[in-house]
Every structure is written in structure tokens, then in C-alpha cells.
Amino acid sequence: KQYSTDHLEYIVEAQPESKITVIENDPPRFLSMLNTGTHDYYIV
């Protein structure tokens, strides 16, 4: 949050799966998440 500006707000959320769910229309996927079982991943 301290790096956010008037033009860009940086949002952080847990990323439990490969699909980027904040994009509704044809969401991309993180390839690195395909076979993970940990909960240490976040999306900025």
C-alpha cells in the first residue's frame, strides 16, 4: 500500500490456485502454481 499512487493501487490477495480470478473474462493462469500444495502464494 505504501507504494500505491494516484494512478496505480497495488492490491494483494492470497493466490490459492493457478487461475487469476480477479479477471472475469478469460482469466489467465500462473503456470508456477499448477502443482503446488502450499498456501505461501500471493498475488500483487
All heavy atoms as atom14 arrays in JSON, in Angstrom:
{
  "sequence": "KQYSTDHLEYIVEAQPESKITVIENDPPRFLSMLNTGTHDYYIV",
  "atom14_mask": [
    [1, 1, 1, 1, 1, 1, 1, 1, 1, 0, 0, 0, 0, 0],
    [1, 1, 1, 1, 1, 1, 1, 1, 1, 0, 0, 0, 0, 0],
    [1, 1, 1, 1, 1, 1, 1, 1, 1, 1, 1, 1, 0, 0],
    [1, 1, 1, 1, 1, 1, 0, 0, 0, 0, 0, 0, 0, 0],
    [1, 1, 1, 1, 1, 1, 1, 0, 0, 0, 0, 0, 0, 0],
    [1, 1, 1, 1, 1, 1, 1, 1, 0, 0, 0, 0, 0, 0],
    [1, 1, 1, 1, 1, 1, 1, 1, 1, 1, 0, 0, 0, 0],
    [1, 1, 1, 1, 1, 1, 1, 1, 0, 0, 0, 0, 0, 0],
    [1, 1, 1, 1, 1, 1, 1, 1, 1, 0, 0, 0, 0, 0],
    [1, 1, 1, 1, 1, 1, 1, 1, 1, 1, 1, 1, 0, 0],
    [1, 1, 1, 1, 1, 1, 1, 1, 0, 0, 0, 0, 0, 0],
    [1, 1, 1, 1, 1, 1, 1, 0, 0, 0, 0, 0, 0, 0],
    [1, 1, 1, 1, 1, 1, 1, 1, 1, 0, 0, 0, 0, 0],
    [1, 1, 1, 1, 1, 0, 0, 0, 0, 0, 0, 0, 0, 0],
    [1, 1, 1, 1, 1, 1, 1, 1, 1, 0, 0, 0, 0, 0],
    [1, 1, 1, 1, 1, 1, 1, 0, 0, 0, 0, 0, 0, 0],
    [1, 1, 1, 1, 1, 1, 1, 1, 1, 0, 0, 0, 0, 0],
    [1, 1, 1, 1, 1, 1, 0, 0, 0, 0, 0, 0, 0, 0],
    [1, 1, 1, 1, 1, 1, 1, 1, 1, 0, 0, 0, 0, 0],
    [1, 1, 1, 1, 1, 1, 1, 1, 0, 0, 0, 0, 0, 0],
    [1, 1, 1, 1, 1, 1, 1, 0, 0, 0, 0, 0, 0, 0],
    [1, 1, 1, 1, 1, 1, 1, 0, 0, 0, 0, 0, 0, 0],
    [1, 1, 1, 1, 1, 1, 1, 1, 0, 0, 0, 0, 0, 0],
    [1, 1, 1, 1, 1, 1, 1, 1, 1, 0, 0, 0, 0, 0],
    [1, 1, 1, 1, 1, 1, 1, 1, 0, 0, 0, 0, 0, 0],
    [1, 1, 1, 1, 1, 1, 1, 1, 0, 0, 0, 0, 0, 0],
    [1, 1, 1, 1, 1, 1, 1, 0, 0, 0, 0, 0, 0, 0],
    [1, 1, 1, 1, 1, 1, 1, 0, 0, 0, 0, 0, 0, 0],
    [1, 1, 1, 1, 1, 1, 1, 1, 1, 1, 1, 0, 0, 0],
    [1, 1, 1, 1, 1, 1, 1, 1, 1, 1, 1, 0, 0, 0],
    [1, 1, 1, 1, 1, 1, 1, 1, 0, 0, 0, 0, 0, 0],
    [1, 1, 1, 1, 1, 1, 0, 0, 0, 0, 0, 0, 0, 0],
    [1, 1, 1, 1, 1, 1, 1, 1, 0, 0, 0, 0, 0, 0],
    [1, 1, 1, 1, 1, 1, 1, 1, 0, 0, 0, 0, 0, 0],
    [1, 1, 1, 1, 1, 1, 1, 1, 0, 0, 0, 0, 0, 0],
    [1, 1, 1, 1, 1, 1, 1, 0, 0, 0, 0, 0, 0, 0],
    [1, 1, 1, 1, 0, 0, 0, 0, 0, 0, 0, 0, 0, 0],
    [1, 1, 1, 1, 1, 1, 1, 0, 0, 0, 0, 0, 0, 0],
    [1, 1, 1, 1, 1, 1, 1, 1, 1, 1, 0, 0, 0, 0],
    [1, 1, 1, 1, 1, 1, 1, 1, 0, 0, 0, 0, 0, 0],
    [1, 1, 1, 1, 1, 1, 1, 1, 1, 1, 1, 1, 0, 0],
    [1, 1, 1, 1, 1, 1, 1, 1, 1, 1, 1, 1, 0, 0],
    [1, 1, 1, 1, 1, 1, 1, 1, 0, 0, 0, 0, 0, 0],
    [1, 1, 1, 1, 1, 1, 1, 0, 0, 0, 0, 0, 0, 0]
  ],
  "atom14_positions": [
    [[0.83, -1.21, 0.0], [0.0, 0.0, 0.0], [0.86, 1.26, 0.0], [0.52, 2.26, -0.63], [-0.95, 0.0, 1.2], [-1.89, 1.18, 1.21], [-2.84, 1.11, 2.38], [-3.7, 2.32, 2.43], [-4.94, 2.22, 1.73], [0.0, 0.0, 0.0], [0.0, 0.0, 0.0], [0.0, 0.0, 0.0], [0.0, 0.0, 0.0], [0.0, 0.0, 0.0]],
    [[2.0, 1.21, 0.68], [2.86, 2.39, 0.75], [3.43, 2.78, -0.62], [3.87, 3.91, -0.81], [3.99, 2.16, 1.75], [5.02, 1.13, 1.31], [6.1, 0.89, 2.33], [6.47, 1.79, 3.07], [6.61, -0.33, 2.37], [0.0, 0.0, 0.0], [0.0, 0.0, 0.0], [0.0, 0.0, 0.0], [0.0, 0.0, 0.0], [0.0, 0.0, 0.0]],
    [[3.41, 1.86, -1.57], [3.92, 2.15, -2.92], [2.82, 2.57, -3.89], [3.1, 2.92, -5.03], [4.67, 0.94, -3.47], [5.95, 0.66, -2.72], [6.01, -0.31, -1.73], [7.1, 1.4, -2.99], [7.18, -0.56, -1.03], [8.28, 1.16, -2.29], [8.3, 0.19, -1.31], [9.46, -0.05, -0.63], [0.0, 0.0, 0.0], [0.0, 0.0, 0.0]],
    [[1.57, 2.49, -3.45], [0.46, 2.89, -4.31], [0.52, 4.38, -4.61], [1.01, 5.16, -3.8], [-0.88, 2.55, -3.66], [-1.07, 1.16, -3.59], [0.0, 0.0, 0.0], [0.0, 0.0, 0.0], [0.0, 0.0, 0.0], [0.0, 0.0, 0.0], [0.0, 0.0, 0.0], [0.0, 0.0, 0.0], [0.0, 0.0, 0.0], [0.0, 0.0, 0.0]],
    [[0.0, 4.75, -5.78], [-0.02, 6.15, -6.19], [-1.45, 6.52, -6.59], [-2.36, 5.68, -6.54], [0.91, 6.39, -7.4], [0.38, 5.67, -8.53], [2.33, 5.92, -7.11], [0.0, 0.0, 0.0], [0.0, 0.0, 0.0], [0.0, 0.0, 0.0], [0.0, 0.0, 0.0], [0.0, 0.0, 0.0], [0.0, 0.0, 0.0], [0.0, 0.0, 0.0]],
    [[-1.62, 7.74, -7.04], [-2.93, 8.15, -7.55], [-3.3, 7.38, -8.81], [-4.47, 7.22, -9.13], [-2.93, 9.65, -7.87], [-2.84, 10.5, -6.62], [-3.17, 9.99, -5.52], [-2.45, 11.67, -6.73], [0.0, 0.0, 0.0], [0.0, 0.0, 0.0], [0.0, 0.0, 0.0], [0.0, 0.0, 0.0], [0.0, 0.0, 0.0], [0.0, 0.0, 0.0]],
    [[-2.3, 6.89, -9.53], [-2.53, 6.21, -10.8], [-2.61, 4.69, -10.67], [-3.29, 4.04, -11.46], [-1.45, 6.57, -11.82], [-1.37, 8.04, -12.08], [-2.35, 8.73, -12.75], [-0.44, 8.96, -11.74], [-2.02, 10.01, -12.82], [-0.87, 10.17, -12.22], [0.0, 0.0, 0.0], [0.0, 0.0, 0.0], [0.0, 0.0, 0.0], [0.0, 0.0, 0.0]],
    [[-1.89, 4.14, -9.71], [-1.87, 2.68, -9.54], [-2.0, 2.34, -8.06], [-1.2, 2.79, -7.24], [-0.57, 2.08, -10.07], [-0.42, 1.95, -11.57], [0.96, 1.39, -11.92], [-1.48, 1.05, -12.17], [0.0, 0.0, 0.0], [0.0, 0.0, 0.0], [0.0, 0.0, 0.0], [0.0, 0.0, 0.0], [0.0, 0.0, 0.0], [0.0, 0.0, 0.0]],
    [[-2.99, 1.52, -7.76], [-3.14, 0.99, -6.41], [-2.73, -0.47, -6.44], [-3.27, -1.26, -7.23], [-4.59, 1.1, -5.94], [-4.8, 0.51, -4.57], [-6.26, 0.46, -4.16], [-7.12, 0.89, -4.92], [-6.53, -0.03, -3.05], [0.0, 0.0, 0.0], [0.0, 0.0, 0.0], [0.0, 0.0, 0.0], [0.0, 0.0, 0.0], [0.0, 0.0, 0.0]],
    [[-1.76, -0.82, -5.62], [-1.27, -2.2, -5.57], [-2.11, -2.98, -4.57], [-2.19, -2.63, -3.41], [0.21, -2.23, -5.21], [1.05, -1.51, -6.23], [1.63, -0.28, -5.95], [1.22, -2.04, -7.5], [2.37, 0.4, -6.9], [1.96, -1.37, -8.46], [2.53, -0.15, -8.16], [3.25, 0.51, -9.1], [0.0, 0.0, 0.0], [0.0, 0.0, 0.0]],
    [[-2.73, -4.04, -5.06], [-3.63, -4.86, -4.26], [-2.96, -6.22, -4.05], [-2.37, -6.78, -4.97], [-4.97, -5.03, -4.99], [-5.58, -3.64, -5.27], [-5.94, -5.9, -4.2], [-6.67, -3.64, -6.31], [0.0, 0.0, 0.0], [0.0, 0.0, 0.0], [0.0, 0.0, 0.0], [0.0, 0.0, 0.0], [0.0, 0.0, 0.0], [0.0, 0.0, 0.0]],
    [[-3.08, -6.74, -2.84], [-2.5, -8.04, -2.51], [-3.63, -8.95, -2.05], [-4.46, -8.56, -1.22], [-1.44, -7.93, -1.4], [-0.82, -9.29, -1.13], [-0.37, -6.92, -1.77], [0.0, 0.0, 0.0], [0.0, 0.0, 0.0], [0.0, 0.0, 0.0], [0.0, 0.0, 0.0], [0.0, 0.0, 0.0], [0.0, 0.0, 0.0], [0.0, 0.0, 0.0]],
    [[-3.64, -10.16, -2.56], [-4.62, -11.17, -2.16], [-3.93, -12.53, -2.12], [-2.92, -12.74, -2.81], [-5.79, -11.23, -3.13], [-6.64, -9.99, -3.15], [-7.81, -10.08, -4.13], [-8.05, -11.18, -4.69], [-8.47, -9.05, -4.32], [0.0, 0.0, 0.0], [0.0, 0.0, 0.0], [0.0, 0.0, 0.0], [0.0, 0.0, 0.0], [0.0, 0.0, 0.0]],
    [[-4.49, -13.44, -1.34], [-3.99, -14.82, -1.35], [-4.24, -15.4, -2.74], [-5.23, -15.07, -3.39], [-4.71, -15.64, -0.29], [0.0, 0.0, 0.0], [0.0, 0.0, 0.0], [0.0, 0.0, 0.0], [0.0, 0.0, 0.0], [0.0, 0.0, 0.0], [0.0, 0.0, 0.0], [0.0, 0.0, 0.0], [0.0, 0.0, 0.0], [0.0, 0.0, 0.0]],
    [[-3.33, -16.24, -3.18], [-3.46, -16.87, -4.51], [-3.45, -18.39, -4.31], [-2.42, -19.04, -4.44], [-2.33, -16.4, -5.42], [-2.42, -16.9, -6.84], [-3.62, -16.35, -7.59], [-4.08, -15.25, -7.32], [-4.13, -17.1, -8.54], [0.0, 0.0, 0.0], [0.0, 0.0, 0.0], [0.0, 0.0, 0.0], [0.0, 0.0, 0.0], [0.0, 0.0, 0.0]],
    [[-4.61, -18.98, -4.0], [-4.65, -20.42, -3.69], [-4.65, -21.33, -4.91], [-4.5, -22.54, -4.77], [-5.97, -20.57, -2.92], [-6.83, -19.48, -3.47], [-5.9, -18.35, -3.81], [0.0, 0.0, 0.0], [0.0, 0.0, 0.0], [0.0, 0.0, 0.0], [0.0, 0.0, 0.0], [0.0, 0.0, 0.0], [0.0, 0.0, 0.0], [0.0, 0.0, 0.0]],
    [[-4.85, -20.76, -6.1], [-4.91, -21.58, -7.31], [-4.2, -20.89, -8.46], [-3.82, -19.73, -8.36], [-6.37, -21.86, -7.69], [-7.15, -20.59, -8.0], [-8.6, -20.87, -8.39], [-8.82, -21.81, -9.17], [-9.48, -20.14, -7.93], [0.0, 0.0, 0.0], [0.0, 0.0, 0.0], [0.0, 0.0, 0.0], [0.0, 0.0, 0.0], [0.0, 0.0, 0.0]],
    [[-4.04, -21.6, -9.54], [-3.3, -21.03, -10.67], [-4.09, -19.96, -11.41], [-3.53, -19.03, -11.96], [-2.87, -22.14, -11.63], [-4.0, -22.76, -12.21], [0.0, 0.0, 0.0], [0.0, 0.0, 0.0], [0.0, 0.0, 0.0], [0.0, 0.0, 0.0], [0.0, 0.0, 0.0], [0.0, 0.0, 0.0], [0.0, 0.0, 0.0], [0.0, 0.0, 0.0]],
    [[-5.42, -20.07, -11.43], [-6.26, -19.13, -12.16], [-6.28, -17.77, -11.46], [-6.44, -17.69, -10.25], [-7.68, -19.67, -12.3], [-8.58, -18.79, -13.16], [-9.87, -19.5, -13.53], [-10.87, -19.39, -12.43], [-12.2, -19.88, -12.81], [0.0, 0.0, 0.0], [0.0, 0.0, 0.0], [0.0, 0.0, 0.0], [0.0, 0.0, 0.0], [0.0, 0.0, 0.0]],
    [[-6.11, -16.7, -12.24], [-6.17, -15.35, -11.7], [-7.64, -14.93, -11.7], [-8.17, -14.47, -12.7], [-5.29, -14.39, -12.52], [-3.84, -14.87, -12.5], [-5.4, -12.97, -11.98], [-2.9, -14.08, -13.39], [0.0, 0.0, 0.0], [0.0, 0.0, 0.0], [0.0, 0.0, 0.0], [0.0, 0.0, 0.0], [0.0, 0.0, 0.0], [0.0, 0.0, 0.0]],
    [[-8.29, -15.11, -10.57], [-9.74, -14.98, -10.5], [-10.24, -13.54, -10.49], [-11.44, -13.32, -10.66], [-10.29, -15.7, -9.26], [-9.66, -15.17, -8.09], [-10.03, -17.2, -9.35], [0.0, 0.0, 0.0], [0.0, 0.0, 0.0], [0.0, 0.0, 0.0], [0.0, 0.0, 0.0], [0.0, 0.0, 0.0], [0.0, 0.0, 0.0], [0.0, 0.0, 0.0]],
    [[-9.37, -12.55, -10.3], [-9.84, -11.16, -10.33], [-10.18, -10.71, -11.74], [-10.85, -9.7, -11.93], [-8.83, -10.18, -9.66], [-8.67, -10.5, -8.19], [-7.51, -10.21, -10.38], [0.0, 0.0, 0.0], [0.0, 0.0, 0.0], [0.0, 0.0, 0.0], [0.0, 0.0, 0.0], [0.0, 0.0, 0.0], [0.0, 0.0, 0.0], [0.0, 0.0, 0.0]],
    [[-9.75, -11.47, -12.73], [-10.12, -11.19, -14.12], [-11.3, -12.09, -14.46], [-11.2, -13.32, -14.38], [-8.95, -11.44, -15.09], [-7.83, -10.46, -14.8], [-9.4, -11.34, -16.53], [-6.64, -10.61, -15.7], [0.0, 0.0, 0.0], [0.0, 0.0, 0.0], [0.0, 0.0, 0.0], [0.0, 0.0, 0.0], [0.0, 0.0, 0.0], [0.0, 0.0, 0.0]],
    [[-12.42, -11.48, -14.81], [-13.63, -12.24, -15.08], [-13.66, -12.85, -16.47], [-14.11, -13.98, -16.65], [-14.86, -11.34, -14.91], [-15.04, -10.84, -13.5], [-16.16, -9.81, -13.38], [-16.92, -9.63, -14.34], [-16.24, -9.18, -12.32], [0.0, 0.0, 0.0], [0.0, 0.0, 0.0], [0.0, 0.0, 0.0], [0.0, 0.0, 0.0], [0.0, 0.0, 0.0]],
    [[-13.23, -12.11, -17.46], [-13.32, -12.55, -18.85], [-12.03, -13.23, -19.29], [-11.02, -12.58, -19.46], [-13.64, -11.36, -19.76], [-14.96, -10.72, -19.4], [-15.85, -11.36, -18.88], [-15.09, -9.42, -19.68], [0.0, 0.0, 0.0], [0.0, 0.0, 0.0], [0.0, 0.0, 0.0], [0.0, 0.0, 0.0], [0.0, 0.0, 0.0], [0.0, 0.0, 0.0]],
    [[-12.09, -14.53, -19.47], [-10.95, -15.33, -19.94], [-9.71, -15.13, -19.06], [-8.68, -14.62, -19.52], [-10.64, -14.99, -21.4], [-9.65, -15.95, -22.02], [-9.6, -17.12, -21.59], [-8.93, -15.53, -22.94], [0.0, 0.0, 0.0], [0.0, 0.0, 0.0], [0.0, 0.0, 0.0], [0.0, 0.0, 0.0], [0.0, 0.0, 0.0], [0.0, 0.0, 0.0]],
    [[-9.8, -15.51, -17.78], [-8.68, -15.27, -16.86], [-7.44, -16.08, -17.21], [-7.55, -17.26, -17.56], [-9.24, -15.68, -15.5], [-10.36, -16.61, -15.8], [-10.9, -16.21, -17.13], [0.0, 0.0, 0.0], [0.0, 0.0, 0.0], [0.0, 0.0, 0.0], [0.0, 0.0, 0.0], [0.0, 0.0, 0.0], [0.0, 0.0, 0.0], [0.0, 0.0, 0.0]],
    [[-6.27, -15.44, -17.12], [-5.02, -16.18, -17.33], [-4.7, -17.03, -16.1], [-5.37, -16.95, -15.08], [-3.98, -15.07, -17.53], [-4.55, -13.9, -16.82], [-6.03, -14.02, -16.88], [0.0, 0.0, 0.0], [0.0, 0.0, 0.0], [0.0, 0.0, 0.0], [0.0, 0.0, 0.0], [0.0, 0.0, 0.0], [0.0, 0.0, 0.0], [0.0, 0.0, 0.0]],
    [[-3.66, -17.82, -16.21], [-3.21, -18.69, -15.11], [-1.73, -18.47, -14.86], [-0.99, -18.16, -15.77], [-3.45, -20.16, -15.44], [-4.9, -20.52, -15.6], [-5.07, -22.01, -15.88], [-6.47, -22.38, -15.92], [-7.19, -22.69, -14.85], [-6.63, -22.7, -13.67], [-8.46, -23.01, -14.97], [0.0, 0.0, 0.0], [0.0, 0.0, 0.0], [0.0, 0.0, 0.0]],
    [[-1.34, -18.68, -13.61], [0.07, -18.71, -13.28], [0.54, -20.15, -13.48], [0.05, -21.08, -12.83], [0.31, -18.3, -11.82], [0.18, -16.84, -11.56], [-0.75, -16.37, -10.64], [0.98, -15.91, -12.2], [-0.87, -15.02, -10.37], [0.86, -14.56, -11.95], [-0.06, -14.11, -11.02], [0.0, 0.0, 0.0], [0.0, 0.0, 0.0], [0.0, 0.0, 0.0]],
    [[1.47, -20.36, -14.37], [1.97, -21.7, -14.64], [2.7, -22.3, -13.45], [2.68, -23.51, -13.25], [2.87, -21.68, -15.88], [2.19, -21.24, -17.17], [3.19, -21.2, -18.31], [1.02, -22.15, -17.51], [0.0, 0.0, 0.0], [0.0, 0.0, 0.0], [0.0, 0.0, 0.0], [0.0, 0.0, 0.0], [0.0, 0.0, 0.0], [0.0, 0.0, 0.0]],
    [[3.34, -21.46, -12.65], [4.1, -21.92, -11.49], [3.22, -22.53, -10.41], [3.7, -23.22, -9.53], [4.9, -20.77, -10.88], [5.73, -20.19, -11.84], [0.0, 0.0, 0.0], [0.0, 0.0, 0.0], [0.0, 0.0, 0.0], [0.0, 0.0, 0.0], [0.0, 0.0, 0.0], [0.0, 0.0, 0.0], [0.0, 0.0, 0.0], [0.0, 0.0, 0.0]],
    [[1.93, -22.25, -10.45], [1.01, -22.7, -9.4], [0.34, -24.03, -9.74], [-0.46, -24.52, -8.96], [-0.1, -21.65, -9.21], [0.32, -20.36, -8.63], [0.47, -20.39, -6.85], [-1.1, -21.01, -6.32], [0.0, 0.0, 0.0], [0.0, 0.0, 0.0], [0.0, 0.0, 0.0], [0.0, 0.0, 0.0], [0.0, 0.0, 0.0], [0.0, 0.0, 0.0]],
    [[0.62, -24.61, -10.86], [-0.15, -25.76, -11.31], [-0.05, -26.96, -10.37], [-1.0, -27.68, -10.18], [0.25, -26.15, -12.73], [-0.12, -25.11, -13.79], [0.35, -25.57, -15.17], [-1.62, -24.87, -13.81], [0.0, 0.0, 0.0], [0.0, 0.0, 0.0], [0.0, 0.0, 0.0], [0.0, 0.0, 0.0], [0.0, 0.0, 0.0], [0.0, 0.0, 0.0]],
    [[1.1, -27.19, -9.78], [1.27, -28.38, -8.95], [1.78, -28.04, -7.56], [2.63, -28.74, -7.01], [2.23, -29.37, -9.62], [1.65, -29.95, -10.89], [0.47, -30.3, -10.92], [2.44, -30.04, -11.94], [0.0, 0.0, 0.0], [0.0, 0.0, 0.0], [0.0, 0.0, 0.0], [0.0, 0.0, 0.0], [0.0, 0.0, 0.0], [0.0, 0.0, 0.0]],
    [[1.28, -26.99, -6.98], [1.71, -26.64, -5.64], [0.67, -27.09, -4.64], [-0.5, -27.24, -4.95], [1.92, -25.11, -5.49], [0.65, -24.49, -5.67], [2.92, -24.58, -6.47], [0.0, 0.0, 0.0], [0.0, 0.0, 0.0], [0.0, 0.0, 0.0], [0.0, 0.0, 0.0], [0.0, 0.0, 0.0], [0.0, 0.0, 0.0], [0.0, 0.0, 0.0]],
    [[1.09, -27.29, -3.44], [0.15, -27.65, -2.39], [0.3, -26.74, -1.19], [-0.25, -27.01, -0.14], [0.0, 0.0, 0.0], [0.0, 0.0, 0.0], [0.0, 0.0, 0.0], [0.0, 0.0, 0.0], [0.0, 0.0, 0.0], [0.0, 0.0, 0.0], [0.0, 0.0, 0.0], [0.0, 0.0, 0.0], [0.0, 0.0, 0.0], [0.0, 0.0, 0.0]],
    [[1.03, -25.67, -1.36], [1.27, -24.78, -0.23], [0.38, -23.55, -0.3], [-0.23, -23.26, -1.31], [2.74, -24.31, -0.22], [2.96, -23.48, -1.35], [3.7, -25.48, -0.25], [0.0, 0.0, 0.0], [0.0, 0.0, 0.0], [0.0, 0.0, 0.0], [0.0, 0.0, 0.0], [0.0, 0.0, 0.0], [0.0, 0.0, 0.0], [0.0, 0.0, 0.0]],
    [[0.31, -22.84, 0.8], [-0.51, -21.63, 0.89], [0.37, -20.38, 1.06], [-0.06, -19.42, 1.65], [-1.48, -21.75, 2.07], [-2.37, -22.94, 1.94], [-3.43, -22.97, 1.06], [-2.35, -24.14, 2.56], [-4.03, -24.14, 1.16], [-3.41, -24.86, 2.05], [0.0, 0.0, 0.0], [0.0, 0.0, 0.0], [0.0, 0.0, 0.0], [0.0, 0.0, 0.0]],
    [[1.56, -20.44, 0.53], [2.52, -19.34, 0.67], [2.51, -18.4, -0.53], [3.41, -17.59, -0.67], [3.94, -19.9, 0.84], [4.07, -20.79, 2.06], [3.24, -20.64, 2.99], [4.99, -21.61, 2.08], [0.0, 0.0, 0.0], [0.0, 0.0, 0.0], [0.0, 0.0, 0.0], [0.0, 0.0, 0.0], [0.0, 0.0, 0.0], [0.0, 0.0, 0.0]],
    [[1.52, -18.5, -1.39], [1.49, -17.7, -2.61], [0.47, -16.57, -2.5], [-0.64, -16.76, -2.02], [1.16, -18.57, -3.82], [2.28, -19.5, -4.19], [2.32, -20.8, -3.68], [3.29, -19.1, -5.04], [3.34, -21.66, -4.02], [4.32, -19.96, -5.39], [4.34, -21.24, -4.87], [5.35, -22.08, -5.21], [0.0, 0.0, 0.0], [0.0, 0.0, 0.0]],
    [[0.88, -15.41, -3.01], [0.02, -14.24, -3.03], [0.15, -13.57, -4.39], [1.16, -13.72, -5.07], [0.41, -13.24, -1.93], [0.26, -13.81, -0.54], [1.3, -14.53, 0.06], [-0.92, -13.65, 0.16], [1.15, -15.07, 1.33], [-1.07, -14.18, 1.44], [-0.04, -14.89, 2.0], [-0.19, -15.42, 3.25], [0.0, 0.0, 0.0], [0.0, 0.0, 0.0]],
    [[-0.89, -12.83, -4.75], [-0.85, -12.07, -5.98], [-0.81, -10.59, -5.61], [-1.53, -10.13, -4.73], [-2.07, -12.39, -6.89], [-1.96, -11.64, -8.22], [-3.37, -12.09, -6.19], [-3.02, -12.03, -9.24], [0.0, 0.0, 0.0], [0.0, 0.0, 0.0], [0.0, 0.0, 0.0], [0.0, 0.0, 0.0], [0.0, 0.0, 0.0], [0.0, 0.0, 0.0]],
    [[0.1, -9.87, -6.26], [0.16, -8.41, -6.15], [-0.24, -7.91, -7.53], [0.39, -8.26, -8.52], [1.58, -7.91, -5.8], [1.61, -6.4, -5.7], [2.09, -8.57, -4.53], [0.0, 0.0, 0.0], [0.0, 0.0, 0.0], [0.0, 0.0, 0.0], [0.0, 0.0, 0.0], [0.0, 0.0, 0.0], [0.0, 0.0, 0.0], [0.0, 0.0, 0.0]]
  ]
}
